[in-house]
PDB file of N, CA and C in Angstrom:
ATOM      1  N   UNK A   1       0.830  -1.189   0.000  1.00  0.00           N
ATOM      2  CA  UNK A   1       0.000   0.000   0.000  1.00  0.00           C
ATOM      3  C   UNK A   1       0.870   1.246   0.000  1.00  0.00           C
ATOM      4  N   UNK A   2       0.279   2.314  -0.416  1.00  0.00           N
ATOM      5  CA  UNK A   2       1.010   3.572  -0.489  1.00  0.00           C
ATOM      6  C   UNK A   2       1.265   4.132   0.909  1.00  0.00           C
ATOM      7  N   UNK A   3       2.395   4.797   1.026  1.00  0.00           N
ATOM      8  CA  UNK A   3       2.773   5.399   2.299  1.00  0.00           C
ATOM      9  C   UNK A   3       1.787   6.488   2.711  1.00  0.00           C
ATOM     10  N   UNK A   4       1.335   7.281   1.761  1.00  0.00           N
ATOM     11  CA  UNK A   4       0.373   8.349   2.070  1.00  0.00           C
ATOM     12  C   UNK A   4      -0.886   7.763   2.704  1.00  0.00           C
ATOM     13  N   UNK A   5      -1.382   6.675   2.131  1.00  0.00           N
ATOM     14  CA  UNK A   5      -2.582   6.034   2.673  1.00  0.00           C
ATOM     15  C   UNK A   5      -2.347   5.603   4.112  1.00  0.00           C
ATOM     16  N   UNK A   6      -1.211   4.991   4.371  1.00  0.00           N
ATOM     17  CA  UNK A   6      -0.906   4.516   5.720  1.00  0.00           C
ATOM     18  C   UNK A   6      -0.837   5.678   6.708  1.00  0.00           C
ATOM     19  N   UNK A   7      -0.222   6.771   6.311  1.00  0.00           N
ATOM     20  CA  UNK A   7      -0.117   7.929   7.198  1.00  0.00           C
ATOM     21  C   UNK A   7      -1.482   8.580   7.434  1.00  0.00           C
ATOM     22  N   UNK A   8      -2.300   8.629   6.397  1.00  0.00           N
ATOM     23  CA  UNK A   8      -3.658   9.155   6.569  1.00  0.00           C
ATOM     24  C   UNK A   8      -4.461   8.280   7.523  1.00  0.00           C
ATOM     25  N   UNK A   9      -4.356   6.987   7.374  1.00  0.00           N
ATOM     26  CA  UNK A   9      -5.068   6.060   8.264  1.00  0.00           C
ATOM     27  C   UNK A   9      -4.563   6.178   9.703  1.00  0.00           C
ATOM     28  N   UNK A  10      -3.262   6.355   9.861  1.00  0.00           N
ATOM     29  CA  UNK A  10      -2.706   6.559  11.200  1.00  0.00           C
ATOM     30  C   UNK A  10      -3.352   7.773  11.849  1.00  0.00           C
ATOM     31  N   UNK A  11      -3.491   8.858  11.094  1.00  0.00           N
ATOM     32  CA  UNK A  11      -4.145  10.059  11.611  1.00  0.00           C
ATOM     33  C   UNK A  11      -5.580   9.798  12.015  1.00  0.00           C
ATOM     34  N   UNK A  12      -6.302   9.027  11.199  1.00  0.00           N
ATOM     35  CA  UNK A  12      -7.697   8.690  11.514  1.00  0.00           C
ATOM     36  C   UNK A  12      -7.766   7.935  12.837  1.00  0.00           C
ATOM     37  N   UNK A  13      -6.899   6.959  13.008  1.00  0.00           N
ATOM     38  CA  UNK A  13      -6.911   6.153  14.235  1.00  0.00           C
ATOM     39  C   UNK A  13      -6.489   6.975  15.457  1.00  0.00           C
ATOM     40  N   UNK A  14      -5.516   7.852  15.278  1.00  0.00           N
ATOM     41  CA  UNK A  14      -5.094   8.694  16.404  1.00  0.00           C
ATOM     42  C   UNK A  14      -6.209   9.633  16.836  1.00  0.00           C
ATOM     43  N   UNK A  15      -6.928  10.192  15.871  1.00  0.00           N
ATOM     44  CA  UNK A  15      -8.032  11.102  16.216  1.00  0.00           C
ATOM     45  C   UNK A  15      -9.181  10.374  16.901  1.00  0.00           C
ATOM     46  N   UNK A  16      -9.277   9.064  16.696  1.00  0.00           N
ATOM     47  CA  UNK A  16     -10.352   8.279  17.313  1.00  0.00           C
ATOM     48  C   UNK A  16     -10.026   7.870  18.750  1.00  0.00           C
ATOM     49  N   UNK A  17      -8.792   8.035  19.178  1.00  0.00           N
ATOM     50  CA  UNK A  17      -8.419   7.666  20.549  1.00  0.00           C
ATOM     51  C   UNK A  17      -9.097   8.596  21.546  1.00  0.00           C
ATOM     52  N   UNK A  18      -9.363   8.088  22.755  1.00  0.00           N
ATOM     53  CA  UNK A  18      -9.980   8.937  23.785  1.00  0.00           C
ATOM     54  C   UNK A  18      -9.079  10.131  24.105  1.00  0.00           C
ATOM     55  N   UNK A  19      -9.707  11.261  24.330  1.00  0.00           N
ATOM     56  CA  UNK A  19      -8.965  12.492  24.636  1.00  0.00           C
ATOM     57  C   UNK A  19      -9.107  12.823  26.110  1.00  0.00           C
ATOM     58  N   UNK A  20      -8.139  13.528  26.626  1.00  0.00           N
ATOM     59  CA  UNK A  20      -8.209  14.013  28.011  1.00  0.00           C
ATOM     60  C   UNK A  20      -9.345  15.028  28.112  1.00  0.00           C
ATOM     61  N   UNK A  21      -9.927  15.137  29.287  1.00  0.00           N
ATOM     62  CA  UNK A  21     -11.059  16.040  29.477  1.00  0.00           C
ATOM     63  C   UNK A  21     -10.649  17.503  29.329  1.00  0.00           C
ATOM     64  N   UNK A  22      -9.403  17.795  29.577  1.00  0.00           N
ATOM     65  CA  UNK A  22      -8.929  19.172  29.437  1.00  0.00           C
ATOM     66  C   UNK A  22      -8.693  19.479  27.951  1.00  0.00           C
ATOM     67  N   UNK A  23      -9.472  20.353  27.413  1.00  0.00           N
ATOM     68  CA  UNK A  23      -9.326  20.713  26.002  1.00  0.00           C
ATOM     69  C   UNK A  23      -8.528  22.002  25.920  1.00  0.00           C
ATOM     70  N   UNK A  24      -7.344  21.915  25.371  1.00  0.00           N
ATOM     71  CA  UNK A  24      -6.511  23.107  25.231  1.00  0.00           C
ATOM     72  C   UNK A  24      -6.566  23.641  23.804  1.00  0.00           C
ATOM     73  N   UNK A  25      -7.423  23.079  22.984  1.00  0.00           N
ATOM     74  CA  UNK A  25      -7.581  23.501  21.598  1.00  0.00           C
ATOM     75  C   UNK A  25      -6.275  23.420  20.815  1.00  0.00           C
ATOM     76  N   UNK A  26      -5.482  22.418  21.119  1.00  0.00           N
ATOM     77  CA  UNK A  26      -4.294  22.155  20.323  1.00  0.00           C
ATOM     78  C   UNK A  26      -4.171  20.646  20.158  1.00  0.00           C
ATOM     79  N   UNK A  27      -3.536  20.249  19.101  1.00  0.00           N
ATOM     80  CA  UNK A  27      -3.393  18.819  18.823  1.00  0.00           C
ATOM     81  C   UNK A  27      -2.468  18.163  19.834  1.00  0.00           C
ATOM     82  N   UNK A  28      -2.804  16.954  20.265  1.00  0.00           N
ATOM     83  CA  UNK A  28      -1.871  16.200  21.115  1.00  0.00           C
ATOM     84  C   UNK A  28      -0.582  15.913  20.330  1.00  0.00           C
ATOM     85  N   UNK A  29       0.495  15.724  21.028  1.00  0.00           N
ATOM     86  CA  UNK A  29       1.805  15.536  20.406  1.00  0.00           C
ATOM     87  C   UNK A  29       1.809  14.411  19.374  1.00  0.00           C
ATOM     88  N   UNK A  30       1.118  13.289  19.672  1.00  0.00           N
ATOM     89  CA  UNK A  30       1.128  12.173  18.723  1.00  0.00           C
ATOM     90  C   UNK A  30       0.419  12.547  17.421  1.00  0.00           C
ATOM     91  N   UNK A  31      -0.649  13.333  17.517  1.00  0.00           N
ATOM     92  CA  UNK A  31      -1.350  13.780  16.305  1.00  0.00           C
ATOM     93  C   UNK A  31      -0.517  14.798  15.537  1.00  0.00           C
ATOM     94  N   UNK A  32       0.193  15.645  16.263  1.00  0.00           N
ATOM     95  CA  UNK A  32       1.068  16.632  15.605  1.00  0.00           C
ATOM     96  C   UNK A  32       2.170  15.935  14.831  1.00  0.00           C
ATOM     97  N   UNK A  33       2.790  14.937  15.449  1.00  0.00           N
ATOM     98  CA  UNK A  33       3.879  14.219  14.786  1.00  0.00           C
ATOM     99  C   UNK A  33       3.371  13.455  13.566  1.00  0.00           C
ATOM    100  N   UNK A  34       2.206  12.838  13.686  1.00  0.00           N
ATOM    101  CA  UNK A  34       1.630  12.102  12.554  1.00  0.00           C
ATOM    102  C   UNK A  34       1.275  13.053  11.421  1.00  0.00           C
ATOM    103  N   UNK A  35       0.712  14.203  11.749  1.00  0.00           N
ATOM    104  CA  UNK A  35       0.367  15.192  10.734  1.00  0.00           C
ATOM    105  C   UNK A  35       1.623  15.729  10.052  1.00  0.00           C
ATOM    106  N   UNK A  36       2.665  15.962  10.829  1.00  0.00           N
ATOM    107  CA  UNK A  36       3.923  16.433  10.252  1.00  0.00           C
ATOM    108  C   UNK A  36       4.515  15.385   9.303  1.00  0.00           C
ATOM    109  N   UNK A  37       4.434  14.117   9.687  1.00  0.00           N
ATOM    110  CA  UNK A  37       4.936  13.041   8.819  1.00  0.00           C
ATOM    111  C   UNK A  37       4.138  12.987   7.521  1.00  0.00           C
ATOM    112  N   UNK A  38       2.824  13.062   7.638  1.00  0.00           N
ATOM    113  CA  UNK A  38       1.956  13.036   6.452  1.00  0.00           C
ATOM    114  C   UNK A  38       2.249  14.229   5.545  1.00  0.00           C
ATOM    115  N   UNK A  39       2.386  15.402   6.138  1.00  0.00           N
ATOM    116  CA  UNK A  39       2.654  16.613   5.375  1.00  0.00           C
ATOM    117  C   UNK A  39       4.023  16.549   4.706  1.00  0.00           C
ATOM    118  N   UNK A  40       5.007  16.027   5.406  1.00  0.00           N
ATOM    119  CA  UNK A  40       6.346  15.875   4.842  1.00  0.00           C
ATOM    120  C   UNK A  40       6.295  15.070   3.548  1.00  0.00           C
ATOM    121  N   UNK A  41       5.571  13.973   3.577  1.00  0.00           N
ATOM    122  CA  UNK A  41       5.486  13.119   2.399  1.00  0.00           C
ATOM    123  C   UNK A  41       4.651  13.784   1.298  1.00  0.00           C
ATOM    124  N   UNK A  42       3.540  14.384   1.664  1.00  0.00           N
ATOM    125  CA  UNK A  42       2.677  15.017   0.659  1.00  0.00           C
ATOM    126  C   UNK A  42       3.348  16.198  -0.031  1.00  0.00           C
ATOM    127  N   UNK A  43       4.211  16.903   0.665  1.00  0.00           N
ATOM    128  CA  UNK A  43       4.886  18.069   0.084  1.00  0.00           C
ATOM    129  C   UNK A  43       6.219  17.723  -0.575  1.00  0.00           C
ATOM    130  N   UNK A  44       6.615  16.479  -0.502  1.00  0.00           N
ATOM    131  CA  UNK A  44       7.876  16.059  -1.116  1.00  0.00           C
ATOM    132  C   UNK A  44       7.765  16.110  -2.635  1.00  0.00           C
ATOM    133  N   UNK A  45       8.838  16.519  -3.269  1.00  0.00           N
ATOM    134  CA  UNK A  45       8.909  16.541  -4.721  1.00  0.00           C
ATOM    135  C   UNK A  45       9.785  15.388  -5.184  1.00  0.00           C
ATOM    136  N   UNK A  46       9.235  14.555  -6.032  1.00  0.00           N
ATOM    137  CA  UNK A  46       9.950  13.377  -6.508  1.00  0.00           C
ATOM    138  C   UNK A  46      11.278  13.752  -7.142  1.00  0.00           C
ATOM    139  N   UNK A  47      11.289  14.863  -7.878  1.00  0.00           N
ATOM    140  CA  UNK A  47      12.519  15.307  -8.535  1.00  0.00           C
ATOM    141  C   UNK A  47      13.618  15.572  -7.501  1.00  0.00           C
ATOM    142  N   UNK A  48      13.248  16.216  -6.387  1.00  0.00           N
ATOM    143  CA  UNK A  48      14.232  16.491  -5.334  1.00  0.00           C
ATOM    144  C   UNK A  48      14.683  15.220  -4.635  1.00  0.00           C
ATOM    145  N   UNK A  49      13.736  14.327  -4.358  1.00  0.00           N
ATOM    146  CA  UNK A  49      14.068  13.100  -3.641  1.00  0.00           C
ATOM    147  C   UNK A  49      14.942  12.169  -4.467  1.00  0.00           C
ATOM    148  N   UNK A  50      14.778  12.200  -5.776  1.00  0.00           N
ATOM    149  CA  UNK A  50      15.537  11.281  -6.624  1.00  0.00           C
ATOM    150  C   UNK A  50      16.854  11.876  -7.102  1.00  0.00           C
ATOM    151  N   UNK A  51      17.082  13.164  -6.848  1.00  0.00           N
ATOM    152  CA  UNK A  51      18.328  13.808  -7.277  1.00  0.00           C
ATOM    153  C   UNK A  51      19.511  13.206  -6.527  1.00  0.00           C
ATOM    154  N   UNK A  52      20.569  12.956  -7.265  1.00  0.00           N
ATOM    155  CA  UNK A  52      21.787  12.384  -6.676  1.00  0.00           C
ATOM    156  C   UNK A  52      22.903  13.416  -6.610  1.00  0.00           C
ATOM    157  N   UNK A  53      23.665  13.331  -5.545  1.00  0.00           N
ATOM    158  CA  UNK A  53      24.864  14.141  -5.397  1.00  0.00           C
ATOM    159  C   UNK A  53      25.948  13.198  -4.908  1.00  0.00           C
ATOM    160  N   UNK A  54      26.996  13.079  -5.678  1.00  0.00           N
ATOM    161  CA  UNK A  54      28.073  12.123  -5.372  1.00  0.00           C
ATOM    162  C   UNK A  54      27.526  10.701  -5.231  1.00  0.00           C
ATOM    163  N   UNK A  55      26.527  10.390  -6.056  1.00  0.00           N
ATOM    164  CA  UNK A  55      25.960   9.049  -6.058  1.00  0.00           C
ATOM    165  C   UNK A  55      24.969   8.771  -4.941  1.00  0.00           C
ATOM    166  N   UNK A  56      24.706   9.768  -4.102  1.00  0.00           N
ATOM    167  CA  UNK A  56      23.804   9.576  -2.962  1.00  0.00           C
ATOM    168  C   UNK A  56      22.553  10.431  -3.130  1.00  0.00           C
ATOM    169  N   UNK A  57      21.459   9.934  -2.636  1.00  0.00           N
ATOM    170  CA  UNK A  57      20.205  10.704  -2.611  1.00  0.00           C
ATOM    171  C   UNK A  57      20.042  11.293  -1.215  1.00  0.00           C
ATOM    172  N   UNK A  58      20.745  12.383  -0.976  1.00  0.00           N
ATOM    173  CA  UNK A  58      20.786  12.985   0.353  1.00  0.00           C
ATOM    174  C   UNK A  58      19.426  13.500   0.807  1.00  0.00           C
ATOM    175  N   UNK A  59      18.683  14.102  -0.093  1.00  0.00           N
ATOM    176  CA  UNK A  59      17.367  14.645   0.277  1.00  0.00           C
ATOM    177  C   UNK A  59      16.425  13.508   0.687  1.00  0.00           C
ATOM    178  N   UNK A  60      16.468  12.406  -0.041  1.00  0.00           N
ATOM    179  CA  UNK A  60      15.651  11.241   0.300  1.00  0.00           C
ATOM    180  C   UNK A  60      16.027  10.716   1.680  1.00  0.00           C
ATOM    181  N   UNK A  61      17.319  10.627   1.937  1.00  0.00           N
ATOM    182  CA  UNK A  61      17.770  10.138   3.243  1.00  0.00           C
ATOM    183  C   UNK A  61      17.344  11.089   4.365  1.00  0.00           C
ATOM    184  N   UNK A  62      17.394  12.388   4.120  1.00  0.00           N
ATOM    185  CA  UNK A  62      16.931  13.355   5.125  1.00  0.00           C
ATOM    186  C   UNK A  62      15.452  13.150   5.432  1.00  0.00           C
ATOM    187  N   UNK A  63      14.671  12.997   4.377  1.00  0.00           N
ATOM    188  CA  UNK A  63      13.230  12.795   4.563  1.00  0.00           C
ATOM    189  C   UNK A  63      12.942  11.498   5.312  1.00  0.00           C
ATOM    190  N   UNK A  64      13.614  10.439   4.938  1.00  0.00           N
ATOM    191  CA  UNK A  64      13.378   9.147   5.592  1.00  0.00           C
ATOM    192  C   UNK A  64      13.805   9.187   7.056  1.00  0.00           C
ATOM    193  N   UNK A  65      14.914   9.838   7.335  1.00  0.00           N
ATOM    194  CA  UNK A  65      15.380   9.961   8.720  1.00  0.00           C
ATOM    195  C   UNK A  65      14.363  10.743   9.554  1.00  0.00           C
ATOM    196  N   UNK A  66      13.866  11.844   8.998  1.00  0.00           N
ATOM    197  CA  UNK A  66      12.857  12.640   9.709  1.00  0.00           C
ATOM    198  C   UNK A  66      11.577  11.841   9.902  1.00  0.00           C
ATOM    199  N   UNK A  67      11.172  11.105   8.875  1.00  0.00           N
ATOM    200  CA  UNK A  67       9.961  10.298   8.949  1.00  0.00           C
ATOM    201  C   UNK A  67      10.075   9.234  10.043  1.00  0.00           C
ATOM    202  N   UNK A  68      11.195   8.560  10.107  1.00  0.00           N
ATOM    203  CA  UNK A  68      11.412   7.548  11.143  1.00  0.00           C
ATOM    204  C   UNK A  68      11.335   8.181  12.530  1.00  0.00           C
ATOM    205  N   UNK A  69      11.929   9.346  12.691  1.00  0.00           N
ATOM    206  CA  UNK A  69      11.876  10.036  13.979  1.00  0.00           C
ATOM    207  C   UNK A  69      10.460  10.427  14.374  1.00  0.00           C
ATOM    208  N   UNK A  70       9.703  10.948  13.415  1.00  0.00           N
ATOM    209  CA  UNK A  70       8.324  11.351  13.702  1.00  0.00           C
ATOM    210  C   UNK A  70       7.448  10.157  14.052  1.00  0.00           C
ATOM    211  N   UNK A  71       7.598   9.070  13.328  1.00  0.00           N
ATOM    212  CA  UNK A  71       6.791   7.879  13.622  1.00  0.00           C
ATOM    213  C   UNK A  71       7.203   7.253  14.949  1.00  0.00           C
ATOM    214  N   UNK A  72       8.480   7.338  15.273  1.00  0.00           N
ATOM    215  CA  UNK A  72       8.930   6.874  16.589  1.00  0.00           C
ATOM    216  C   UNK A  72       8.318   7.705  17.699  1.00  0.00           C
ATOM    217  N   UNK A  73       8.218   9.015  17.472  1.00  0.00           N
ATOM    218  CA  UNK A  73       7.596   9.907  18.447  1.00  0.00           C
ATOM    219  C   UNK A  73       6.114   9.578  18.617  1.00  0.00           C
ATOM    220  N   UNK A  74       5.430   9.292  17.519  1.00  0.00           N
ATOM    221  CA  UNK A  74       4.020   8.892  17.600  1.00  0.00           C
ATOM    222  C   UNK A  74       3.890   7.661  18.486  1.00  0.00           C
ATOM    223  N   UNK A  75       4.700   6.653  18.216  1.00  0.00           N
ATOM    224  CA  UNK A  75       4.646   5.412  19.003  1.00  0.00           C
ATOM    225  C   UNK A  75       4.944   5.638  20.467  1.00  0.00           C
ATOM    226  N   UNK A  76       5.946   6.465  20.746  1.00  0.00           N
ATOM    227  CA  UNK A  76       6.318   6.738  22.137  1.00  0.00           C
ATOM    228  C   UNK A  76       5.209   7.488  22.865  1.00  0.00           C
ATOM    229  N   UNK A  77       4.620   8.469  22.202  1.00  0.00           N
ATOM    230  CA  UNK A  77       3.530   9.242  22.818  1.00  0.00           C
ATOM    231  C   UNK A  77       2.317   8.362  23.108  1.00  0.00           C
ATOM    232  N   UNK A  78       1.952   7.530  22.153  1.00  0.00           N
ATOM    233  CA  UNK A  78       0.802   6.635  22.351  1.00  0.00           C
ATOM    234  C   UNK A  78       1.093   5.661  23.480  1.00  0.00           C
ATOM    235  N   UNK A  79       2.288   5.111  23.497  1.00  0.00           N
ATOM    236  CA  UNK A  79       2.666   4.174  24.549  1.00  0.00           C
ATOM    237  C   UNK A  79       2.620   4.836  25.922  1.00  0.00           C
ATOM    238  N   UNK A  80       3.193   6.026  26.019  1.00  0.00           N
ATOM    239  CA  UNK A  80       3.219   6.730  27.304  1.00  0.00           C
ATOM    240  C   UNK A  80       1.821   7.122  27.780  1.00  0.00           C
ATOM    241  N   UNK A  81       0.963   7.492  26.839  1.00  0.00           N
ATOM    242  CA  UNK A  81      -0.355   8.009  27.199  1.00  0.00           C
ATOM    243  C   UNK A  81      -1.382   6.911  27.465  1.00  0.00           C
ATOM    244  N   UNK A  82      -1.327   5.825  26.730  1.00  0.00           N
ATOM    245  CA  UNK A  82      -2.417   4.852  26.769  1.00  0.00           C
ATOM    246  C   UNK A  82      -2.045   3.502  27.386  1.00  0.00           C
ATOM    247  N   UNK A  83      -0.785   3.288  27.732  1.00  0.00           N
ATOM    248  CA  UNK A  83      -0.387   2.024  28.335  1.00  0.00           C
ATOM    249  C   UNK A  83       0.262   2.288  29.681  1.00  0.00           C
ATOM    250  N   UNK A  84      -0.081   1.476  30.646  1.00  0.00           N
ATOM    251  CA  UNK A  84       0.447   1.624  31.993  1.00  0.00           C
ATOM    252  C   UNK A  84       1.748   0.848  32.104  1.00  0.00           C
ATOM    253  N   UNK A  85       2.845   1.570  32.280  1.00  0.00           N
ATOM    254  CA  UNK A  85       4.160   0.940  32.381  1.00  0.00           C
ATOM    255  C   UNK A  85       4.606   0.789  33.830  1.00  0.00           C
ATOM    256  N   UNK A  86       3.715   1.091  34.768  1.00  0.00           N
ATOM    257  CA  UNK A  86       4.087   1.093  36.179  1.00  0.00           C
ATOM    258  C   UNK A  86       3.735  -0.194  36.905  1.00  0.00           C
ATOM    259  N   UNK A  87       2.899  -1.018  36.310  1.00  0.00           N
ATOM    260  CA  UNK A  87       2.493  -2.232  37.005  1.00  0.00           C
ATOM    261  C   UNK A  87       3.632  -3.232  37.009  1.00  0.00           C
ATOM    262  N   UNK A  88       3.711  -3.991  38.063  1.00  0.00           N
ATOM    263  CA  UNK A  88       4.759  -5.000  38.153  1.00  0.00           C
ATOM    264  C   UNK A  88       4.356  -6.223  37.339  1.00  0.00           C
ATOM    265  N   UNK A  89       5.349  -6.996  36.975  1.00  0.00           N
ATOM    266  CA  UNK A  89       5.064  -8.188  36.176  1.00  0.00           C
ATOM    267  C   UNK A  89       4.390  -9.241  37.050  1.00  0.00           C
ATOM    268  N   UNK A  90       3.668 -10.114  36.422  1.00  0.00           N
ATOM    269  CA  UNK A  90       2.949 -11.162  37.124  1.00  0.00           C
ATOM    270  C   UNK A  90       3.356 -12.506  36.535  1.00  0.00           C
ATOM    271  N   UNK A  91       3.652 -13.442  37.392  1.00  0.00           N
ATOM    272  CA  UNK A  91       4.020 -14.776  36.934  1.00  0.00           C
ATOM    273  C   UNK A  91       2.754 -15.492  36.473  1.00  0.00           C
ATOM    274  N   UNK A  92       2.791 -15.993  35.256  1.00  0.00           N
ATOM    275  CA  UNK A  92       1.620 -16.639  34.683  1.00  0.00           C
ATOM    276  C   UNK A  92       1.603 -18.146  34.898  1.00  0.00           C
ATOM    277  N   UNK A  93       2.742 -18.716  35.178  1.00  0.00           N
ATOM    278  CA  UNK A  93       2.842 -20.158  35.382  1.00  0.00           C
ATOM    279  C   UNK A  93       3.301 -20.413  36.814  1.00  0.00           C
ATOM    280  N   UNK A  94       2.604 -21.311  37.479  1.00  0.00           N
ATOM    281  CA  UNK A  94       2.986 -21.664  38.843  1.00  0.00           C
ATOM    282  C   UNK A  94       3.912 -22.868  38.780  1.00  0.00           C
ATOM    283  N   UNK A  95       5.163 -22.641  39.058  1.00  0.00           N
ATOM    284  CA  UNK A  95       6.147 -23.744  39.004  1.00  0.00           C
ATOM    285  C   UNK A  95       6.385 -24.255  40.423  1.00  0.00           C
ATOM    286  N   UNK A  96       6.088 -25.503  40.609  1.00  0.00           N
ATOM    287  CA  UNK A  96       6.353 -26.113  41.911  1.00  0.00           C
ATOM    288  C   UNK A  96       7.540 -27.047  41.754  1.00  0.00           C
ATOM    289  N   UNK A  97       8.264 -27.242  42.803  1.00  0.00           N
ATOM    290  CA  UNK A  97       9.437 -28.120  42.730  1.00  0.00           C
ATOM    291  C   UNK A  97       9.006 -29.571  42.621  1.00  0.00           C
ATOM    292  N   UNK A  98       9.723 -30.337  41.816  1.00  0.00           N
ATOM    293  CA  UNK A  98       9.463 -31.763  41.695  1.00  0.00           C
ATOM    294  C   UNK A  98       8.400 -32.111  40.676  1.00  0.00           C
ATOM    295  N   UNK A  99       7.778 -31.158  40.017  1.00  0.00           N
ATOM    296  CA  UNK A  99       6.740 -31.472  39.031  1.00  0.00           C
ATOM    297  C   UNK A  99       7.142 -31.053  37.662  1.00  0.00           C
TER     298      UNK A  99
END
């Protein structure tokens, strides 16, 4: 599937997540990062991305590096906001000696 489609769908899913009761009329960080990633790709010019300098596509690498960072930020924000990392682990199997 196309990258644009995936980024648009990510935005749809992020907007569907429960919001905090405090409305500050600004996008949550995860939505901002996803929107920035989507915009980065939509505003990219193929001619610039495919241009080579010394055999390297530096502009493409810059875009991909930024995209990876933004998507990592989305994941980190969602994880921090919606998953509880404070609970202790629980043993799921009861191991008794001799069995």
